[in-house]
Amino acid sequence: MAKLKKSAGKTSSGANQSAAQSEAARQSRSITESAQQIWLAGMGAFNRAQAEGSRLFESLVRDGLSLEQTARRFAGNRVHGVKGAMEDRVGQAKERAADTWDKLEKVFEERVQRALVKLGVPGRDDLNALTERVERLTATLKQRGASVTKPAAGKSAKVARPAATKKASSVKPKPTKAKPAGKTTKVAKTGKSD
């Protein structure tokens, strides 16, 4: 019996080995097939990524352009608003500067005018009045000068004076009290003069 057990053990171990080998071969084929399927899936994914990747990239570029245009419109509206506000502020500053400059100019002119008046220099109004007066006198002289007769040739050159001039020369100035030159009068305590 002992021999029988040994031979049965030999046959069963050979069957186990062949079963294990067939199992190993089957698993090896299964792993090889799985690896090949994984490789083919990777190749398919790569091909799809290439095809869809360019479409996806183009789609992303379109979306980016759309966002950029929206941002530019928004920024442009903001810029116009800020620009308008700045122009208003600059205009106000210019007006204030012009008003301040005008006030400063007036103050300067008034001070110069006061200084000139203190020095006895005639002002603009005085010169205008004087100019008008000279023009009236010139016109009057021209009118009266037309009535002046021209002297005849050979006779002495005697010019007739206009009537206003004769009247002016016939008017004598009022006498003023003049003190005699060289003599000084002293008033004594008694109130008598020498």
Protein backbone atom coordinates (compact mmCIF):
# COMPACT_ATOMS: atom_id res chain seq x y z
CA MET A 1 0.00 0.00 0.00
CA ALA A 2 2.69 2.26 0.53
CA LYS A 3 3.71 1.88 -3.04
CA LEU A 4 0.32 2.80 -4.21
CA LYS A 5 0.24 5.96 -2.31
CA LYS A 6 3.54 7.01 -3.80
CA SER A 7 2.47 6.48 -7.35
CA ALA A 8 -0.85 8.21 -6.80
CA GLY A 9 1.04 11.16 -5.37
CA LYS A 10 3.24 11.23 -8.46
CA THR A 11 0.36 11.30 -10.88
CA SER A 12 -1.55 13.92 -8.99
CA SER A 13 1.46 16.19 -8.71
CA GLY A 14 2.01 15.95 -12.46
CA ALA A 15 -1.59 16.91 -13.05
CA ASN A 16 -1.19 19.79 -10.66
CA GLN A 17 1.84 20.96 -12.52
CA SER A 18 0.19 20.84 -15.86
CA ALA A 19 -2.86 22.59 -14.44
CA ALA A 20 -0.62 25.23 -12.91
CA GLN A 21 1.20 25.65 -16.18
CA SER A 22 -1.99 25.97 -18.12
CA GLU A 23 -3.28 28.44 -15.53
CA ALA A 24 -0.07 30.44 -15.80
CA ALA A 25 -0.27 30.45 -19.59
CA ARG A 26 -3.89 31.57 -19.44
CA GLN A 27 -3.06 34.34 -17.00
CA SER A 28 -0.09 35.36 -19.13
CA ARG A 29 -2.35 35.61 -22.17
CA SER A 30 -4.88 37.53 -20.12
CA ILE A 31 -2.20 39.98 -18.92
CA THR A 32 -0.84 40.32 -22.46
CA GLU A 33 -4.33 40.95 -23.78
CA SER A 34 -5.00 43.49 -21.01
CA ALA A 35 -1.72 45.26 -21.70
CA GLN A 36 -2.53 45.36 -25.39
CA GLN A 37 -6.02 46.72 -24.65
CA ILE A 38 -4.54 49.35 -22.33
CA TRP A 39 -2.04 50.26 -25.06
CA LEU A 40 -4.83 50.49 -27.66
CA ALA A 41 -6.99 52.59 -25.25
CA GLY A 42 -4.05 54.95 -24.70
CA MET A 43 -3.52 55.27 -28.46
CA GLY A 44 -7.24 55.96 -28.93
CA ALA A 45 -7.20 58.56 -26.14
CA PHE A 46 -4.15 60.20 -27.67
CA ASN A 47 -5.83 60.29 -31.11
CA ARG A 48 -9.04 61.70 -29.63
CA ALA A 49 -7.08 64.26 -27.59
CA GLN A 50 -5.29 65.35 -30.76
CA ALA A 51 -8.54 65.69 -32.70
CA GLU A 52 -10.57 67.21 -29.92
CA GLY A 53 -7.63 69.05 -28.41
CA SER A 54 -7.34 71.37 -31.39
CA ARG A 55 -11.10 71.91 -31.34
CA LEU A 56 -10.98 72.44 -27.58
CA PHE A 57 -8.06 74.86 -28.00
CA GLU A 58 -9.95 76.81 -30.68
CA SER A 59 -13.03 76.88 -28.46
CA LEU A 60 -10.94 78.23 -25.56
CA VAL A 61 -9.42 80.90 -27.84
CA ARG A 62 -12.94 82.01 -28.92
CA ASP A 63 -14.06 82.18 -25.30
CA GLY A 64 -10.94 84.17 -24.42
CA LEU A 65 -11.56 86.64 -27.26
CA SER A 66 -15.14 87.09 -26.14
CA LEU A 67 -14.01 87.78 -22.57
CA GLU A 68 -11.35 90.18 -23.78
CA GLN A 69 -13.85 92.16 -25.87
CA THR A 70 -16.24 92.33 -22.92
CA ALA A 71 -13.43 93.52 -20.66
CA ARG A 72 -12.36 96.13 -23.21
CA ARG A 73 -15.91 97.47 -23.53
CA PHE A 74 -16.20 97.65 -19.76
CA ALA A 75 -12.81 99.32 -19.44
CA GLY A 76 -13.62 101.68 -22.32
CA ASN A 77 -16.81 102.79 -20.61
CA ARG A 78 -14.89 103.31 -17.39
CA VAL A 79 -12.19 105.27 -19.21
CA HIS A 80 -14.77 107.55 -20.84
CA GLY A 81 -16.37 108.17 -17.46
CA VAL A 82 -13.04 108.91 -15.80
CA LYS A 83 -11.95 111.04 -18.75
CA GLY A 84 -15.12 113.12 -18.54
CA ALA A 85 -14.70 113.61 -14.80
CA MET A 86 -11.05 114.63 -15.25
CA GLU A 87 -11.94 117.09 -18.02
CA ASP A 88 -14.55 118.67 -15.73
CA ARG A 89 -12.02 118.99 -12.91
CA VAL A 90 -9.38 120.44 -15.24
CA GLY A 91 -11.94 122.95 -16.56
CA GLN A 92 -12.81 124.00 -13.01
CA ALA A 93 -9.14 124.36 -12.15
CA LYS A 94 -8.57 126.51 -15.26
CA GLU A 95 -11.50 128.76 -14.33
CA ARG A 96 -10.21 129.16 -10.79
CA ALA A 97 -6.72 129.93 -12.06
CA ALA A 98 -8.07 132.51 -14.52
CA ASP A 99 -10.20 134.15 -11.81
CA THR A 100 -7.26 134.25 -9.43
CA TRP A 101 -5.02 135.68 -12.15
CA ASP A 102 -7.60 138.39 -12.96
CA LYS A 103 -7.91 139.31 -9.28
CA LEU A 104 -4.14 139.45 -8.91
CA GLU A 105 -3.86 141.61 -12.02
CA LYS A 106 -6.51 144.05 -10.70
CA VAL A 107 -4.78 144.31 -7.31
CA PHE A 108 -1.46 144.98 -9.04
CA GLU A 109 -2.96 147.65 -11.31
CA GLU A 110 -4.67 149.37 -8.38
CA ARG A 111 -1.46 149.47 -6.35
CA VAL A 112 0.55 150.81 -9.28
CA GLN A 113 -2.15 153.45 -9.91
CA ARG A 114 -2.09 154.51 -6.24
CA ALA A 115 1.70 154.78 -6.31
CA LEU A 116 1.58 156.89 -9.48
CA VAL A 117 -1.07 159.19 -7.97
CA LYS A 118 1.12 159.65 -4.87
CA LEU A 119 4.02 160.60 -7.14
CA GLY A 120 1.81 163.10 -9.00
CA VAL A 121 1.75 161.22 -12.31
CA PRO A 122 -1.55 161.80 -14.09
CA GLY A 123 -3.76 158.76 -14.54
CA ARG A 124 -5.47 157.39 -17.63
CA ASP A 125 -8.69 159.34 -16.98
CA ASP A 126 -6.72 162.58 -16.53
CA LEU A 127 -4.86 162.02 -19.80
CA ASN A 128 -8.10 161.21 -21.65
CA ALA A 129 -9.76 164.39 -20.34
CA LEU A 130 -6.71 166.43 -21.30
CA THR A 131 -6.66 164.91 -24.79
CA GLU A 132 -10.35 165.76 -25.30
CA ARG A 133 -9.76 169.32 -24.12
CA VAL A 134 -6.81 169.76 -26.49
CA GLU A 135 -8.89 168.41 -29.38
CA ARG A 136 -11.74 170.86 -28.62
CA LEU A 137 -9.28 173.78 -28.41
CA THR A 138 -7.67 172.70 -31.68
CA ALA A 139 -11.07 172.53 -33.39
CA THR A 140 -12.01 175.96 -32.04
CA LEU A 141 -8.73 177.44 -33.25
CA LYS A 142 -9.22 175.94 -36.68
CA GLN A 143 -12.69 177.44 -36.94
CA ARG A 144 -11.51 180.85 -35.92
CA GLY A 145 -8.35 180.54 -37.97
CA ALA A 146 -10.49 180.36 -41.11
CA SER A 147 -11.69 183.93 -40.45
CA VAL A 148 -8.13 185.24 -40.26
CA THR A 149 -7.33 187.36 -43.32
CA LYS A 150 -4.17 186.67 -45.17
CA PRO A 151 -1.83 189.64 -45.53
CA ALA A 152 -1.41 191.11 -48.98
CA ALA A 153 1.90 190.81 -50.73
CA GLY A 154 4.26 193.72 -50.02
CA LYS A 155 2.46 194.88 -46.87
CA SER A 156 3.75 194.09 -43.42
CA ALA A 157 2.70 190.72 -42.14
CA LYS A 158 0.17 191.63 -39.53
CA VAL A 159 -2.14 188.88 -38.46
CA ALA A 160 -5.47 189.74 -36.97
CA ARG A 161 -6.10 188.07 -33.68
CA PRO A 162 -9.27 186.19 -33.13
CA ALA A 163 -11.80 187.85 -30.82
CA ALA A 164 -11.37 185.28 -28.06
CA THR A 165 -7.65 185.86 -28.05
CA LYS A 166 -8.12 189.68 -27.82
CA LYS A 167 -10.52 189.28 -24.92
CA ALA A 168 -8.14 186.99 -23.13
CA SER A 169 -5.28 189.44 -23.53
CA SER A 170 -7.39 192.40 -22.36
CA VAL A 171 -8.28 190.63 -19.14
CA LYS A 172 -5.76 191.59 -16.54
CA PRO A 173 -4.80 189.17 -13.84
CA LYS A 174 -5.73 190.03 -10.29
CA PRO A 175 -2.90 191.69 -8.44
CA THR A 176 -1.34 189.68 -5.71
CA LYS A 177 0.23 191.17 -2.69
CA ALA A 178 3.90 190.96 -3.22
CA LYS A 179 6.43 191.80 -0.58
CA PRO A 180 9.19 194.20 -1.56
CA ALA A 181 12.37 192.43 -2.34
CA GLY A 182 15.16 192.85 0.14
CA LYS A 183 13.00 194.31 2.90
CA THR A 184 11.76 192.08 5.58
CA THR A 185 9.21 193.15 8.05
CA LYS A 186 9.49 192.28 11.62
CA VAL A 187 6.57 192.30 13.86
CA ALA A 188 7.47 193.59 17.27
CA LYS A 189 5.80 192.54 20.39
CA THR A 190 3.87 195.74 20.24
CA GLY A 191 2.36 194.76 16.92
CA LYS A 192 4.03 197.56 14.86
CA SER A 193 5.92 196.87 11.72
CA ASP A 194 9.00 198.76 10.38
